[in-house]
Amino acid sequence: MDTIPPPEVFYTTSTRVACDGDEAGGPNGHPLVYLQMGPSGFADCGYCDRRFILTGGPADLR
């Protein structure tokens, strides 16, 4: 069984990222949360399911 892909994927050069769920910075998002990537090289937001992938890390399969 395949897993459902995340709705949005962002590539970053930092292992610590912030997510508020609203790319435009408006009121339509969720509370601001900070996510720390572990050895897997990615972090998923618990509110909006966005996935942040460390560029060049183990999860960067581009």
Foldseek 3Di string as FASTA:
>chain_A
DDDDDFPAEAEDQDQKDKDQQDPVPDDPGHDIDIDGHDLCQWDADPGRRYIYGYVVHNVPPD
